[in-house]
Structure formats: C-alpha cells, structure tokens
Amino acid sequence: MAGTNGGGIFLLLYILLAALIGIPILMTELAVGRAGRKNAIASCRSINPHWGFVGAFGIAGAFFVLSYYCVVGGLGA
C-alpha cells in the first residue's frame, strides 16, 4: 500500500537513516559496557563523573519500552 501511494521512498529512507543512526549508537553502548565492565551507570561514570545520568536514562528507557511491550503482548493473547 505504501509503495503504490508514493510512500515507498519514505520507508526506504526511514530504514536507512534508522540503521545509520542506530548502529553507531549500539556499537558505542557495547564498547562502553565492555570497557567499563560495570553496570550502565558506573560505566558511564568511569568515562566522566558527571555522565551517570546517561546510564540511568538508558536503564529507564529500557524499563519503559519493555513494560509497554509486555502490556501490548498481553492484550494480543
């Protein structure tokens, strides 16, 4: 439906840009975690003592996304 109505180029650009932004962020998170060998907040604090909130935002974001998907998954059953 998106391809017949001219939305195919939007979907292609969306997927491309999501990959171009998402892959470097994922690789950075993995590198920080492996280098720090600690939890998210402590690993971010090992880079800079004022960056503990970055790890806290990552944990909070994962919590909210997973709780949303648990509700959506439960409604589909």
PDB file of N, CA and C in Angstrom:
ATOM      1  N   MET A   1       0.823  -1.186   0.000  1.00  0.00           N
ATOM      2  CA  MET A   1       0.000   0.000   0.000  1.00  0.00           C
ATOM      3  C   MET A   1       0.876   1.261   0.000  1.00  0.00           C
ATOM      4  N   ALA A   2       1.949   1.230   0.773  1.00  0.00           N
ATOM      5  CA  ALA A   2       2.826   2.401   0.824  1.00  0.00           C
ATOM      6  C   ALA A   2       3.529   2.607  -0.514  1.00  0.00           C
ATOM      7  N   GLY A   3       3.894   1.518  -1.174  1.00  0.00           N
ATOM      8  CA  GLY A   3       4.583   1.640  -2.459  1.00  0.00           C
ATOM      9  C   GLY A   3       3.694   2.185  -3.555  1.00  0.00           C
ATOM     10  N   THR A   4       2.430   1.830  -3.562  1.00  0.00           N
ATOM     11  CA  THR A   4       1.526   2.310  -4.615  1.00  0.00           C
ATOM     12  C   THR A   4       1.120   3.750  -4.405  1.00  0.00           C
ATOM     13  N   ASN A   5       1.178   4.240  -3.178  1.00  0.00           N
ATOM     14  CA  ASN A   5       0.772   5.614  -2.905  1.00  0.00           C
ATOM     15  C   ASN A   5       1.959   6.567  -2.761  1.00  0.00           C
ATOM     16  N   GLY A   6       3.139   6.141  -3.126  1.00  0.00           N
ATOM     17  CA  GLY A   6       4.305   7.018  -3.096  1.00  0.00           C
ATOM     18  C   GLY A   6       5.029   7.050  -1.762  1.00  0.00           C
ATOM     19  N   GLY A   7       4.706   6.151  -0.850  1.00  0.00           N
ATOM     20  CA  GLY A   7       5.361   6.144   0.453  1.00  0.00           C
ATOM     21  C   GLY A   7       6.542   5.208   0.529  1.00  0.00           C
ATOM     22  N   GLY A   8       6.827   4.511  -0.544  1.00  0.00           N
ATOM     23  CA  GLY A   8       7.943   3.569  -0.541  1.00  0.00           C
ATOM     24  C   GLY A   8       9.278   4.245  -0.314  1.00  0.00           C
ATOM     25  N   ILE A   9       9.487   5.414  -0.907  1.00  0.00           N
ATOM     26  CA  ILE A   9      10.756   6.125  -0.732  1.00  0.00           C
ATOM     27  C   ILE A   9      10.909   6.582   0.714  1.00  0.00           C
ATOM     28  N   PHE A  10       9.791   6.952   1.342  1.00  0.00           N
ATOM     29  CA  PHE A  10       9.848   7.321   2.757  1.00  0.00           C
ATOM     30  C   PHE A  10      10.285   6.133   3.599  1.00  0.00           C
ATOM     31  N   LEU A  11       9.714   4.969   3.350  1.00  0.00           N
ATOM     32  CA  LEU A  11      10.083   3.783   4.121  1.00  0.00           C
ATOM     33  C   LEU A  11      11.552   3.417   3.914  1.00  0.00           C
ATOM     34  N   LEU A  12      12.028   3.512   2.680  1.00  0.00           N
ATOM     35  CA  LEU A  12      13.438   3.215   2.425  1.00  0.00           C
ATOM     36  C   LEU A  12      14.356   4.188   3.147  1.00  0.00           C
ATOM     37  N   LEU A  13      14.037   5.478   3.086  1.00  0.00           N
ATOM     38  CA  LEU A  13      14.845   6.473   3.785  1.00  0.00           C
ATOM     39  C   LEU A  13      14.780   6.290   5.298  1.00  0.00           C
ATOM     40  N   TYR A  14      13.610   5.949   5.793  1.00  0.00           N
ATOM     41  CA  TYR A  14      13.455   5.734   7.231  1.00  0.00           C
ATOM     42  C   TYR A  14      14.326   4.571   7.707  1.00  0.00           C
ATOM     43  N   ILE A  15      14.281   3.467   7.000  1.00  0.00           N
ATOM     44  CA  ILE A  15      15.085   2.298   7.374  1.00  0.00           C
ATOM     45  C   ILE A  15      16.575   2.614   7.261  1.00  0.00           C
ATOM     46  N   LEU A  16      16.973   3.299   6.214  1.00  0.00           N
ATOM     47  CA  LEU A  16      18.374   3.661   6.026  1.00  0.00           C
ATOM     48  C   LEU A  16      18.865   4.580   7.142  1.00  0.00           C
ATOM     49  N   LEU A  17      18.099   5.627   7.440  1.00  0.00           N
ATOM     50  CA  LEU A  17      18.528   6.557   8.479  1.00  0.00           C
ATOM     51  C   LEU A  17      18.480   5.922   9.871  1.00  0.00           C
ATOM     52  N   ALA A  18      17.513   5.062  10.112  1.00  0.00           N
ATOM     53  CA  ALA A  18      17.463   4.369  11.402  1.00  0.00           C
ATOM     54  C   ALA A  18      18.703   3.486  11.572  1.00  0.00           C
ATOM     55  N   ALA A  19      19.130   2.831  10.516  1.00  0.00           N
ATOM     56  CA  ALA A  19      20.335   1.999  10.584  1.00  0.00           C
ATOM     57  C   ALA A  19      21.588   2.865  10.731  1.00  0.00           C
ATOM     58  N   LEU A  20      21.652   3.986   9.997  1.00  0.00           N
ATOM     59  CA  LEU A  20      22.834   4.853  10.074  1.00  0.00           C
ATOM     60  C   LEU A  20      22.975   5.504  11.443  1.00  0.00           C
ATOM     61  N   ILE A  21      21.882   5.727  12.138  1.00  0.00           N
ATOM     62  CA  ILE A  21      21.946   6.319  13.468  1.00  0.00           C
ATOM     63  C   ILE A  21      22.014   5.234  14.539  1.00  0.00           C
ATOM     64  N   GLY A  22      21.264   4.174  14.377  1.00  0.00           N
ATOM     65  CA  GLY A  22      21.158   3.149  15.409  1.00  0.00           C
ATOM     66  C   GLY A  22      22.393   2.284  15.569  1.00  0.00           C
ATOM     67  N   ILE A  23      23.039   1.918  14.475  1.00  0.00           N
ATOM     68  CA  ILE A  23      24.199   1.029  14.562  1.00  0.00           C
ATOM     69  C   ILE A  23      25.373   1.682  15.298  1.00  0.00           C
ATOM     70  N   PRO A  24      25.732   2.942  15.010  1.00  0.00           N
ATOM     71  CA  PRO A  24      26.819   3.550  15.799  1.00  0.00           C
ATOM     72  C   PRO A  24      26.477   3.716  17.276  1.00  0.00           C
ATOM     73  N   ILE A  25      25.214   4.005  17.594  1.00  0.00           N
ATOM     74  CA  ILE A  25      24.823   4.132  18.996  1.00  0.00           C
ATOM     75  C   ILE A  25      24.941   2.779  19.695  1.00  0.00           C
ATOM     76  N   LEU A  26      24.494   1.719  19.034  1.00  0.00           N
ATOM     77  CA  LEU A  26      24.603   0.376  19.603  1.00  0.00           C
ATOM     78  C   LEU A  26      26.058  -0.011  19.824  1.00  0.00           C
ATOM     79  N   MET A  27      26.910   0.270  18.847  1.00  0.00           N
ATOM     80  CA  MET A  27      28.321  -0.075  18.977  1.00  0.00           C
ATOM     81  C   MET A  27      28.988   0.723  20.100  1.00  0.00           C
ATOM     82  N   THR A  28      28.587   1.978  20.271  1.00  0.00           N
ATOM     83  CA  THR A  28      29.134   2.795  21.347  1.00  0.00           C
ATOM     84  C   THR A  28      28.713   2.251  22.704  1.00  0.00           C
ATOM     85  N   GLU A  29      27.445   1.863  22.834  1.00  0.00           N
ATOM     86  CA  GLU A  29      26.977   1.284  24.095  1.00  0.00           C
ATOM     87  C   GLU A  29      27.730   0.002  24.429  1.00  0.00           C
ATOM     88  N   LEU A  30      27.925  -0.840  23.437  1.00  0.00           N
ATOM     89  CA  LEU A  30      28.661  -2.077  23.669  1.00  0.00           C
ATOM     90  C   LEU A  30      30.108  -1.807  24.063  1.00  0.00           C
ATOM     91  N   ALA A  31      30.746  -0.834  23.423  1.00  0.00           N
ATOM     92  CA  ALA A  31      32.134  -0.509  23.733  1.00  0.00           C
ATOM     93  C   ALA A  31      32.269   0.045  25.146  1.00  0.00           C
ATOM     94  N   VAL A  32      31.340   0.923  25.549  1.00  0.00           N
ATOM     95  CA  VAL A  32      31.393   1.486  26.899  1.00  0.00           C
ATOM     96  C   VAL A  32      31.181   0.387  27.936  1.00  0.00           C
ATOM     97  N   GLY A  33      30.242  -0.505  27.677  1.00  0.00           N
ATOM     98  CA  GLY A  33      29.976  -1.591  28.607  1.00  0.00           C
ATOM     99  C   GLY A  33      31.136  -2.555  28.737  1.00  0.00           C
ATOM    100  N   ARG A  34      31.763  -2.891  27.636  1.00  0.00           N
ATOM    101  CA  ARG A  34      32.896  -3.817  27.687  1.00  0.00           C
ATOM    102  C   ARG A  34      34.117  -3.177  28.331  1.00  0.00           C
ATOM    103  N   ALA A  35      34.335  -1.901  28.053  1.00  0.00           N
ATOM    104  CA  ALA A  35      35.494  -1.220  28.634  1.00  0.00           C
ATOM    105  C   ALA A  35      35.305  -0.991  30.128  1.00  0.00           C
ATOM    106  N   GLY A  36      34.073  -0.660  30.534  1.00  0.00           N
ATOM    107  CA  GLY A  36      33.827  -0.374  31.942  1.00  0.00           C
ATOM    108  C   GLY A  36      33.707  -1.608  32.794  1.00  0.00           C
ATOM    109  N   ARG A  37      33.178  -2.705  32.236  1.00  0.00           N
ATOM    110  CA  ARG A  37      32.944  -3.962  32.962  1.00  0.00           C
ATOM    111  C   ARG A  37      32.148  -3.718  34.249  1.00  0.00           C
ATOM    112  N   LYS A  38      31.200  -2.778  34.170  1.00  0.00           N
ATOM    113  CA  LYS A  38      30.359  -2.449  35.307  1.00  0.00           C
ATOM    114  C   LYS A  38      28.929  -2.316  34.794  1.00  0.00           C
ATOM    115  N   ASN A  39      28.025  -1.887  35.674  1.00  0.00           N
ATOM    116  CA  ASN A  39      26.662  -1.640  35.213  1.00  0.00           C
ATOM    117  C   ASN A  39      26.620  -0.357  34.383  1.00  0.00           C
ATOM    118  N   ALA A  40      25.468  -0.022  33.857  1.00  0.00           N
ATOM    119  CA  ALA A  40      25.365   1.097  32.920  1.00  0.00           C
ATOM    120  C   ALA A  40      25.755   2.426  33.558  1.00  0.00           C
ATOM    121  N   ILE A  41      25.282   2.682  34.756  1.00  0.00           N
ATOM    122  CA  ILE A  41      25.563   3.964  35.405  1.00  0.00           C
ATOM    123  C   ILE A  41      27.043   4.066  35.761  1.00  0.00           C
ATOM    124  N   ALA A  42      27.610   3.021  36.323  1.00  0.00           N
ATOM    125  CA  ALA A  42      29.020   3.050  36.715  1.00  0.00           C
ATOM    126  C   ALA A  42      29.939   3.114  35.497  1.00  0.00           C
ATOM    127  N   SER A  43      29.558   2.463  34.400  1.00  0.00           N
ATOM    128  CA  SER A  43      30.383   2.530  33.185  1.00  0.00           C
ATOM    129  C   SER A  43      30.400   3.937  32.623  1.00  0.00           C
ATOM    130  N   CYS A  44      29.258   4.600  32.631  1.00  0.00           N
ATOM    131  CA  CYS A  44      29.219   5.986  32.138  1.00  0.00           C
ATOM    132  C   CYS A  44      29.970   6.920  33.075  1.00  0.00           C
ATOM    133  N   ARG A  45      29.909   6.642  34.364  1.00  0.00           N
ATOM    134  CA  ARG A  45      30.663   7.463  35.324  1.00  0.00           C
ATOM    135  C   ARG A  45      32.167   7.239  35.194  1.00  0.00           C
ATOM    136  N   SER A  46      32.586   6.083  34.725  1.00  0.00           N
ATOM    137  CA  SER A  46      34.018   5.850  34.547  1.00  0.00           C
ATOM    138  C   SER A  46      34.571   6.680  33.390  1.00  0.00           C
ATOM    139  N   ILE A  47      33.716   7.054  32.452  1.00  0.00           N
ATOM    140  CA  ILE A  47      34.138   7.941  31.365  1.00  0.00           C
ATOM    141  C   ILE A  47      34.258   9.365  31.882  1.00  0.00           C
ATOM    142  N   ASN A  48      33.201   9.816  32.559  1.00  0.00           N
ATOM    143  CA  ASN A  48      33.162  11.160  33.120  1.00  0.00           C
ATOM    144  C   ASN A  48      32.280  11.096  34.363  1.00  0.00           C
ATOM    145  N   PRO A  49      32.725  11.616  35.490  1.00  0.00           N
ATOM    146  CA  PRO A  49      31.931  11.503  36.717  1.00  0.00           C
ATOM    147  C   PRO A  49      30.540  12.142  36.627  1.00  0.00           C
ATOM    148  N   HIS A  50      30.351  13.058  35.709  1.00  0.00           N
ATOM    149  CA  HIS A  50      29.059  13.738  35.577  1.00  0.00           C
ATOM    150  C   HIS A  50      28.118  13.036  34.597  1.00  0.00           C
ATOM    151  N   TRP A  51      28.523  11.925  34.028  1.00  0.00           N
ATOM    152  CA  TRP A  51      27.715  11.259  32.997  1.00  0.00           C
ATOM    153  C   TRP A  51      26.915  10.071  33.513  1.00  0.00           C
ATOM    154  N   GLY A  52      26.738   9.958  34.793  1.00  0.00           N
ATOM    155  CA  GLY A  52      25.964   8.857  35.342  1.00  0.00           C
ATOM    156  C   GLY A  52      24.515   8.880  34.888  1.00  0.00           C
ATOM    157  N   PHE A  53      23.989  10.077  34.631  1.00  0.00           N
ATOM    158  CA  PHE A  53      22.598  10.197  34.184  1.00  0.00           C
ATOM    159  C   PHE A  53      22.383   9.549  32.819  1.00  0.00           C
ATOM    160  N   VAL A  54      23.404   9.464  31.996  1.00  0.00           N
ATOM    161  CA  VAL A  54      23.256   8.832  30.681  1.00  0.00           C
ATOM    162  C   VAL A  54      22.942   7.347  30.851  1.00  0.00           C
ATOM    163  N   GLY A  55      23.640   6.693  31.748  1.00  0.00           N
ATOM    164  CA  GLY A  55      23.354   5.294  32.036  1.00  0.00           C
ATOM    165  C   GLY A  55      21.984   5.122  32.668  1.00  0.00           C
ATOM    166  N   ALA A  56      21.602   6.063  33.542  1.00  0.00           N
ATOM    167  CA  ALA A  56      20.284   5.997  34.176  1.00  0.00           C
ATOM    168  C   ALA A  56      19.177   6.169  33.147  1.00  0.00           C
ATOM    169  N   PHE A  57      19.362   7.055  32.180  1.00  0.00           N
ATOM    170  CA  PHE A  57      18.366   7.229  31.113  1.00  0.00           C
ATOM    171  C   PHE A  57      18.248   5.967  30.271  1.00  0.00           C
ATOM    172  N   GLY A  58      19.373   5.296  30.024  1.00  0.00           N
ATOM    173  CA  GLY A  58      19.331   4.043  29.273  1.00  0.00           C
ATOM    174  C   GLY A  58      18.546   2.964  29.994  1.00  0.00           C
ATOM    175  N   ILE A  59      18.754   2.869  31.290  1.00  0.00           N
ATOM    176  CA  ILE A  59      18.019   1.883  32.082  1.00  0.00           C
ATOM    177  C   ILE A  59      16.537   2.229  32.125  1.00  0.00           C
ATOM    178  N   ALA A  60      16.218   3.509  32.364  1.00  0.00           N
ATOM    179  CA  ALA A  60      14.816   3.933  32.424  1.00  0.00           C
ATOM    180  C   ALA A  60      14.129   3.730  31.076  1.00  0.00           C
ATOM    181  N   GLY A  61      14.825   4.046  29.991  1.00  0.00           N
ATOM    182  CA  GLY A  61      14.240   3.850  28.665  1.00  0.00           C
ATOM    183  C   GLY A  61      13.930   2.395  28.382  1.00  0.00           C
ATOM    184  N   ALA A  62      14.857   1.517  28.726  1.00  0.00           N
ATOM    185  CA  ALA A  62      14.619   0.086  28.527  1.00  0.00           C
ATOM    186  C   ALA A  62      13.461  -0.398  29.388  1.00  0.00           C
ATOM    187  N   PHE A  63      13.355   0.103  30.625  1.00  0.00           N
ATOM    188  CA  PHE A  63      12.263  -0.289  31.501  1.00  0.00           C
ATOM    189  C   PHE A  63      10.909   0.109  30.909  1.00  0.00           C
ATOM    190  N   PHE A  64      10.799   1.351  30.436  1.00  0.00           N
ATOM    191  CA  PHE A  64       9.514   1.810  29.903  1.00  0.00           C
ATOM    192  C   PHE A  64       9.148   1.110  28.597  1.00  0.00           C
ATOM    193  N   VAL A  65      10.119   0.883  27.744  1.00  0.00           N
ATOM    194  CA  VAL A  65       9.833   0.181  26.488  1.00  0.00           C
ATOM    195  C   VAL A  65       9.395  -1.250  26.763  1.00  0.00           C
ATOM    196  N   LEU A  66      10.093  -1.944  27.651  1.00  0.00           N
ATOM    197  CA  LEU A  66       9.732  -3.327  27.947  1.00  0.00           C
ATOM    198  C   LEU A  66       8.388  -3.432  28.655  1.00  0.00           C
ATOM    199  N   SER A  67       8.070  -2.470  29.552  1.00  0.00           N
ATOM    200  CA  SER A  67       6.764  -2.549  30.191  1.00  0.00           C
ATOM    201  C   SER A  67       5.645  -2.259  29.199  1.00  0.00           C
ATOM    202  N   TYR A  68       5.883  -1.397  28.233  1.00  0.00           N
ATOM    203  CA  TYR A  68       4.885  -1.143  27.197  1.00  0.00           C
ATOM    204  C   TYR A  68       4.665  -2.400  26.363  1.00  0.00           C
ATOM    205  N   TYR A  69       5.732  -3.053  25.955  1.00  0.00           N
ATOM    206  CA  TYR A  69       5.581  -4.249  25.127  1.00  0.00           C
ATOM    207  C   TYR A  69       4.968  -5.411  25.896  1.00  0.00           C
ATOM    208  N   CYS A  70       5.180  -5.478  27.196  1.00  0.00           N
ATOM    209  CA  CYS A  70       4.506  -6.523  27.987  1.00  0.00           C
ATOM    210  C   CYS A  70       3.005  -6.326  27.963  1.00  0.00           C
ATOM    211  N   VAL A  71       2.563  -5.084  28.065  1.00  0.00           N
ATOM    212  CA  VAL A  71       1.108  -4.803  28.031  1.00  0.00           C
ATOM    213  C   VAL A  71       0.548  -5.102  26.650  1.00  0.00           C
ATOM    214  N   VAL A  72       1.245  -4.668  25.605  1.00  0.00           N
ATOM    215  CA  VAL A  72       0.771  -4.902  24.246  1.00  0.00           C
ATOM    216  C   VAL A  72       0.740  -6.404  23.947  1.00  0.00           C
ATOM    217  N   GLY A  73       1.760  -7.130  24.371  1.00  0.00           N
ATOM    218  CA  GLY A  73       1.796  -8.570  24.169  1.00  0.00           C
ATOM    219  C   GLY A  73       0.704  -9.285  24.942  1.00  0.00           C
ATOM    220  N   GLY A  74       0.381  -8.785  26.142  1.00  0.00           N
ATOM    221  CA  GLY A  74      -0.683  -9.396  26.928  1.00  0.00           C
ATOM    222  C   GLY A  74      -2.060  -9.165  26.356  1.00  0.00           C
ATOM    223  N   LEU A  75      -2.247  -8.041  25.674  1.00  0.00           N
ATOM    224  CA  LEU A  75      -3.547  -7.739  25.079  1.00  0.00           C
ATOM    225  C   LEU A  75      -3.813  -8.596  23.848  1.00  0.00           C
ATOM    226  N   GLY A  76      -2.747  -9.049  23.190  1.00  0.00           N
ATOM    227  CA  GLY A  76      -2.911  -9.835  21.975  1.00  0.00           C
ATOM    228  C   GLY A  76      -3.244 -11.285  22.237  1.00  0.00           C
ATOM    229  N   ALA A  77      -3.126 -11.724  23.455  1.00  0.00           N
ATOM    230  CA  ALA A  77      -3.342 -13.136  23.750  1.00  0.00           C
ATOM    231  C   ALA A  77      -4.808 -13.508  23.835  1.00  0.00           C
TER     232      ALA A  77
END
